[in-house]
N, C-alpha and C. Protein backbone atom coordinates (compact mmCIF):
# COMPACT_ATOMS: atom_id res chain seq x y z
N MET A 1 -20.27 -95.40 92.12
CA MET A 1 -19.79 -94.10 92.54
C MET A 1 -18.57 -94.28 93.46
N HIS A 2 -17.57 -93.44 93.25
CA HIS A 2 -16.34 -93.52 94.03
C HIS A 2 -16.43 -92.65 95.29
N ASP A 3 -15.62 -92.96 96.30
CA ASP A 3 -15.58 -92.11 97.48
C ASP A 3 -14.30 -91.29 97.54
N LYS A 4 -13.35 -91.53 96.59
CA LYS A 4 -12.11 -90.74 96.51
C LYS A 4 -11.72 -90.59 95.04
N PHE A 5 -10.76 -89.68 94.81
CA PHE A 5 -10.21 -89.54 93.46
C PHE A 5 -8.75 -89.13 93.57
N LEU A 6 -7.99 -89.37 92.52
CA LEU A 6 -6.57 -89.01 92.48
C LEU A 6 -6.45 -87.55 92.08
N PHE A 7 -5.71 -86.78 92.87
CA PHE A 7 -5.46 -85.38 92.55
C PHE A 7 -3.97 -85.12 92.59
N THR A 8 -3.46 -84.44 91.56
CA THR A 8 -2.03 -84.17 91.43
C THR A 8 -1.81 -82.68 91.25
N ILE A 9 -0.79 -82.15 91.92
CA ILE A 9 -0.35 -80.76 91.74
C ILE A 9 1.07 -80.81 91.19
N ARG A 10 1.27 -80.17 90.03
CA ARG A 10 2.60 -80.13 89.40
C ARG A 10 2.99 -78.69 89.11
N THR A 11 4.28 -78.41 89.25
CA THR A 11 4.86 -77.15 88.79
C THR A 11 5.89 -77.52 87.73
N PRO A 12 6.47 -76.54 87.03
CA PRO A 12 7.51 -76.88 86.05
C PRO A 12 8.71 -77.60 86.68
N GLU A 13 8.94 -77.35 87.97
CA GLU A 13 10.10 -77.92 88.65
C GLU A 13 9.86 -79.30 89.26
N GLU A 14 8.63 -79.54 89.76
CA GLU A 14 8.43 -80.78 90.51
C GLU A 14 6.95 -81.13 90.68
N GLU A 15 6.73 -82.36 91.11
CA GLU A 15 5.40 -82.78 91.51
C GLU A 15 5.25 -82.44 92.99
N ILE A 16 4.29 -81.60 93.32
CA ILE A 16 4.10 -81.13 94.68
C ILE A 16 3.31 -82.15 95.49
N ALA A 17 2.27 -82.72 94.91
CA ALA A 17 1.43 -83.70 95.60
C ALA A 17 0.75 -84.59 94.57
N SER A 18 0.52 -85.83 94.94
CA SER A 18 -0.27 -86.74 94.13
C SER A 18 -0.84 -87.78 95.08
N LYS A 19 -2.15 -87.68 95.35
CA LYS A 19 -2.75 -88.55 96.34
C LYS A 19 -4.24 -88.71 96.14
N GLU A 20 -4.76 -89.76 96.73
CA GLU A 20 -6.20 -90.00 96.75
C GLU A 20 -6.81 -89.09 97.80
N VAL A 21 -7.85 -88.34 97.41
CA VAL A 21 -8.51 -87.41 98.32
C VAL A 21 -10.02 -87.53 98.19
N GLU A 22 -10.72 -87.01 99.19
CA GLU A 22 -12.18 -86.97 99.16
C GLU A 22 -12.70 -85.70 98.53
N SER A 23 -11.92 -84.59 98.66
CA SER A 23 -12.35 -83.33 98.07
C SER A 23 -11.16 -82.41 97.89
N VAL A 24 -11.33 -81.45 96.97
CA VAL A 24 -10.33 -80.39 96.74
C VAL A 24 -11.09 -79.09 96.61
N TYR A 25 -10.65 -78.07 97.38
CA TYR A 25 -11.20 -76.73 97.27
C TYR A 25 -10.17 -75.88 96.53
N VAL A 26 -10.62 -75.10 95.56
CA VAL A 26 -9.74 -74.20 94.81
C VAL A 26 -10.58 -73.05 94.25
N SER A 27 -9.94 -71.92 94.07
CA SER A 27 -10.60 -70.75 93.49
C SER A 27 -10.14 -70.59 92.05
N THR A 28 -11.09 -70.53 91.12
CA THR A 28 -10.75 -70.35 89.71
C THR A 28 -11.24 -68.98 89.24
N SER A 29 -10.94 -68.66 88.00
CA SER A 29 -11.36 -67.37 87.45
C SER A 29 -12.88 -67.27 87.35
N THR A 30 -13.58 -68.41 87.38
CA THR A 30 -15.04 -68.38 87.31
C THR A 30 -15.69 -68.53 88.69
N GLY A 31 -14.88 -68.67 89.74
CA GLY A 31 -15.41 -68.76 91.09
C GLY A 31 -14.79 -69.88 91.90
N ASP A 32 -15.22 -69.98 93.16
CA ASP A 32 -14.73 -71.03 94.05
C ASP A 32 -15.32 -72.37 93.63
N LEU A 33 -14.54 -73.42 93.84
CA LEU A 33 -14.95 -74.73 93.37
C LEU A 33 -14.55 -75.80 94.38
N MET A 34 -15.45 -76.74 94.60
CA MET A 34 -15.17 -77.92 95.42
C MET A 34 -15.27 -79.13 94.50
N LEU A 35 -14.13 -79.77 94.25
CA LEU A 35 -14.12 -80.98 93.44
C LEU A 35 -14.39 -82.18 94.34
N LEU A 36 -15.28 -83.04 93.92
CA LEU A 36 -15.62 -84.26 94.64
C LEU A 36 -15.47 -85.44 93.69
N PRO A 37 -15.42 -86.67 94.21
CA PRO A 37 -15.32 -87.82 93.32
C PRO A 37 -16.44 -87.81 92.27
N ASP A 38 -16.10 -88.21 91.07
CA ASP A 38 -17.04 -88.29 89.95
C ASP A 38 -17.61 -86.93 89.54
N HIS A 39 -16.88 -85.87 89.84
CA HIS A 39 -17.28 -84.51 89.43
C HIS A 39 -17.38 -84.48 87.91
N ALA A 40 -18.17 -83.61 87.39
CA ALA A 40 -18.25 -83.42 85.94
C ALA A 40 -16.88 -82.98 85.42
N SER A 41 -16.53 -83.38 84.22
CA SER A 41 -15.27 -82.95 83.63
C SER A 41 -15.22 -81.44 83.61
N PHE A 42 -14.04 -80.89 83.88
CA PHE A 42 -13.92 -79.46 84.12
C PHE A 42 -12.51 -79.01 83.77
N SER A 43 -12.39 -77.77 83.32
CA SER A 43 -11.09 -77.11 83.21
C SER A 43 -11.29 -75.66 83.59
N GLY A 44 -10.28 -75.08 84.24
CA GLY A 44 -10.39 -73.69 84.67
C GLY A 44 -9.02 -73.08 84.91
N VAL A 45 -9.00 -71.77 85.03
CA VAL A 45 -7.77 -71.01 85.24
C VAL A 45 -7.68 -70.62 86.71
N VAL A 46 -6.50 -70.82 87.29
CA VAL A 46 -6.24 -70.43 88.67
C VAL A 46 -5.22 -69.30 88.64
N SER A 47 -5.61 -68.12 89.13
CA SER A 47 -4.67 -67.00 89.17
C SER A 47 -3.83 -67.06 90.44
N PHE A 48 -4.50 -67.05 91.57
CA PHE A 48 -3.85 -67.08 92.88
C PHE A 48 -4.87 -67.66 93.84
N SER A 49 -4.60 -68.82 94.43
CA SER A 49 -5.64 -69.49 95.21
C SER A 49 -5.07 -70.44 96.25
N PRO A 50 -5.77 -70.54 97.39
CA PRO A 50 -5.47 -71.67 98.26
C PRO A 50 -6.00 -72.93 97.59
N VAL A 51 -5.33 -74.03 97.83
CA VAL A 51 -5.77 -75.33 97.32
C VAL A 51 -5.80 -76.25 98.54
N VAL A 52 -6.99 -76.70 98.90
CA VAL A 52 -7.15 -77.51 100.11
C VAL A 52 -7.52 -78.94 99.71
N LEU A 53 -6.61 -79.87 100.03
CA LEU A 53 -6.84 -81.29 99.78
C LEU A 53 -7.34 -81.90 101.07
N LYS A 54 -8.48 -82.59 101.00
CA LYS A 54 -9.06 -83.15 102.22
C LYS A 54 -9.31 -84.64 102.04
N ASP A 55 -8.89 -85.40 103.06
CA ASP A 55 -9.12 -86.83 103.09
C ASP A 55 -9.49 -87.19 104.53
N GLY A 56 -10.77 -87.37 104.76
CA GLY A 56 -11.24 -87.61 106.12
C GLY A 56 -10.95 -86.40 106.99
N GLU A 57 -10.32 -86.63 108.11
CA GLU A 57 -9.95 -85.53 109.02
C GLU A 57 -8.65 -84.86 108.61
N HIS A 58 -7.89 -85.50 107.71
CA HIS A 58 -6.59 -84.95 107.28
C HIS A 58 -6.80 -83.89 106.20
N GLU A 59 -6.16 -82.74 106.37
CA GLU A 59 -6.30 -81.63 105.43
C GLU A 59 -4.92 -81.03 105.15
N GLU A 60 -4.60 -80.81 103.87
CA GLU A 60 -3.35 -80.16 103.47
C GLU A 60 -3.71 -78.92 102.67
N THR A 61 -3.04 -77.81 102.97
CA THR A 61 -3.30 -76.56 102.26
C THR A 61 -2.05 -76.10 101.52
N TYR A 62 -2.26 -75.73 100.27
CA TYR A 62 -1.21 -75.21 99.40
C TYR A 62 -1.66 -73.84 98.90
N VAL A 63 -0.73 -73.08 98.37
CA VAL A 63 -1.06 -71.82 97.71
C VAL A 63 -0.51 -71.89 96.29
N ALA A 64 -1.42 -71.79 95.31
CA ALA A 64 -1.05 -71.92 93.91
C ALA A 64 -1.12 -70.56 93.22
N LYS A 65 -0.22 -70.38 92.27
CA LYS A 65 -0.15 -69.13 91.51
C LYS A 65 0.00 -69.48 90.03
N ARG A 66 -0.84 -68.85 89.20
CA ARG A 66 -0.79 -69.02 87.75
C ARG A 66 -0.86 -70.49 87.34
N GLY A 67 -2.07 -71.00 87.24
CA GLY A 67 -2.20 -72.40 86.89
C GLY A 67 -3.45 -72.73 86.09
N VAL A 68 -3.52 -73.98 85.69
CA VAL A 68 -4.67 -74.50 84.97
C VAL A 68 -5.11 -75.77 85.71
N LEU A 69 -6.42 -75.86 85.93
CA LEU A 69 -7.00 -76.98 86.66
C LEU A 69 -7.82 -77.84 85.70
N PHE A 70 -7.63 -79.15 85.79
CA PHE A 70 -8.39 -80.09 84.96
C PHE A 70 -8.99 -81.17 85.84
N PHE A 71 -10.21 -81.62 85.50
CA PHE A 71 -10.78 -82.80 86.13
C PHE A 71 -11.39 -83.66 85.03
N SER A 72 -11.04 -84.94 85.04
CA SER A 72 -11.58 -85.89 84.06
C SER A 72 -12.59 -86.79 84.76
N ASN A 73 -13.84 -86.71 84.34
CA ASN A 73 -14.88 -87.54 84.92
C ASN A 73 -14.67 -89.01 84.56
N THR A 74 -14.23 -89.29 83.35
CA THR A 74 -14.06 -90.68 82.92
C THR A 74 -12.93 -91.37 83.67
N LYS A 75 -11.90 -90.62 84.05
CA LYS A 75 -10.77 -91.20 84.79
C LYS A 75 -10.88 -90.95 86.30
N ASN A 76 -11.80 -90.08 86.71
CA ASN A 76 -11.96 -89.69 88.12
C ASN A 76 -10.64 -89.18 88.69
N THR A 77 -9.99 -88.28 87.92
CA THR A 77 -8.72 -87.71 88.34
C THR A 77 -8.72 -86.21 88.10
N GLY A 78 -7.97 -85.50 88.93
CA GLY A 78 -7.80 -84.07 88.76
C GLY A 78 -6.33 -83.72 88.77
N VAL A 79 -5.99 -82.64 88.09
CA VAL A 79 -4.61 -82.17 88.08
C VAL A 79 -4.60 -80.65 88.05
N LEU A 80 -3.69 -80.09 88.82
CA LEU A 80 -3.45 -78.65 88.79
C LEU A 80 -2.02 -78.45 88.30
N LEU A 81 -1.88 -77.81 87.14
CA LEU A 81 -0.57 -77.46 86.60
C LEU A 81 -0.35 -76.00 86.95
N ALA A 82 0.55 -75.74 87.90
CA ALA A 82 0.73 -74.39 88.41
C ALA A 82 2.13 -73.87 88.12
N GLY A 83 2.21 -72.58 87.88
CA GLY A 83 3.51 -71.95 87.71
C GLY A 83 4.30 -71.98 88.99
N GLN A 84 3.59 -71.87 90.11
CA GLN A 84 4.20 -71.92 91.43
C GLN A 84 3.18 -72.47 92.41
N CYS A 85 3.62 -73.31 93.32
CA CYS A 85 2.72 -73.85 94.34
C CYS A 85 3.56 -74.24 95.54
N ASP A 86 3.15 -73.77 96.72
CA ASP A 86 3.88 -74.05 97.95
C ASP A 86 2.93 -74.56 99.02
N ALA A 87 3.42 -75.48 99.85
CA ALA A 87 2.65 -75.90 101.01
C ALA A 87 2.53 -74.71 101.96
N LYS A 88 1.39 -74.57 102.58
CA LYS A 88 1.12 -73.42 103.45
C LYS A 88 2.21 -73.24 104.51
N GLU A 89 2.66 -74.33 105.11
CA GLU A 89 3.65 -74.22 106.19
C GLU A 89 5.04 -73.80 105.71
N THR A 90 5.29 -73.83 104.39
CA THR A 90 6.60 -73.42 103.88
C THR A 90 6.59 -72.05 103.22
N LEU A 91 5.46 -71.35 103.32
CA LEU A 91 5.33 -70.07 102.63
C LEU A 91 6.30 -69.01 103.15
N ASP A 92 6.84 -68.25 102.23
CA ASP A 92 7.64 -67.08 102.55
C ASP A 92 6.67 -65.90 102.54
N TYR A 93 6.27 -65.42 103.72
CA TYR A 93 5.22 -64.42 103.81
C TYR A 93 5.63 -63.07 103.22
N GLU A 94 6.91 -62.76 103.21
CA GLU A 94 7.37 -61.52 102.58
C GLU A 94 7.14 -61.60 101.06
N LYS A 95 7.41 -62.77 100.48
CA LYS A 95 7.18 -62.98 99.05
C LYS A 95 5.68 -62.90 98.75
N ARG A 96 4.84 -63.47 99.62
CA ARG A 96 3.39 -63.41 99.42
C ARG A 96 2.89 -61.96 99.50
N LYS A 97 3.52 -61.12 100.33
CA LYS A 97 3.15 -59.71 100.39
C LYS A 97 3.42 -59.05 99.04
N GLU A 98 4.53 -59.40 98.40
CA GLU A 98 4.82 -58.89 97.06
C GLU A 98 3.75 -59.34 96.07
N ASP A 99 3.30 -60.58 96.19
CA ASP A 99 2.23 -61.09 95.31
C ASP A 99 0.95 -60.30 95.53
N LEU A 100 0.62 -60.03 96.79
CA LEU A 100 -0.59 -59.27 97.12
C LEU A 100 -0.50 -57.86 96.52
N ASP A 101 0.65 -57.23 96.63
CA ASP A 101 0.84 -55.90 96.03
C ASP A 101 0.62 -55.95 94.52
N LEU A 102 1.14 -57.00 93.88
CA LEU A 102 0.96 -57.16 92.43
C LEU A 102 -0.52 -57.34 92.09
N ILE A 103 -1.23 -58.16 92.85
CA ILE A 103 -2.65 -58.38 92.62
C ILE A 103 -3.43 -57.06 92.77
N GLN A 104 -3.13 -56.32 93.82
CA GLN A 104 -3.83 -55.05 94.05
C GLN A 104 -3.55 -54.05 92.94
N GLU A 105 -2.34 -54.02 92.43
CA GLU A 105 -2.00 -53.12 91.32
C GLU A 105 -2.83 -53.46 90.08
N ASN A 106 -3.02 -54.75 89.82
CA ASN A 106 -3.77 -55.17 88.64
C ASN A 106 -5.26 -54.99 88.79
N ILE A 107 -5.75 -54.96 90.01
CA ILE A 107 -7.20 -54.75 90.22
C ILE A 107 -7.55 -53.28 90.11
N TYR A 108 -6.72 -52.43 90.62
CA TYR A 108 -7.05 -51.01 90.64
C TYR A 108 -6.34 -50.33 89.54
């Protein structure tokens, strides 16, 4: 059994992150998910979600929009292919307000 796994976040423009982590938290269309090493193989749709990469005490938070999440048990690797993904500290909050308005329009 492994204590870490490789997780990569990619957008059409660039690779946002690729690192060994202990866990990843993400929200998919089927619910919230915590990926851990040796997780069962999985694929899911990410509409709009925080993505939290954790390695010991170190934690990085991203915000992903329109993506697909994959985890391979045989390779012990995960990847998030996102239309857009930004590190939390670089977020443009006015743009996120527009995203929230769009989400609310689609829900109601």
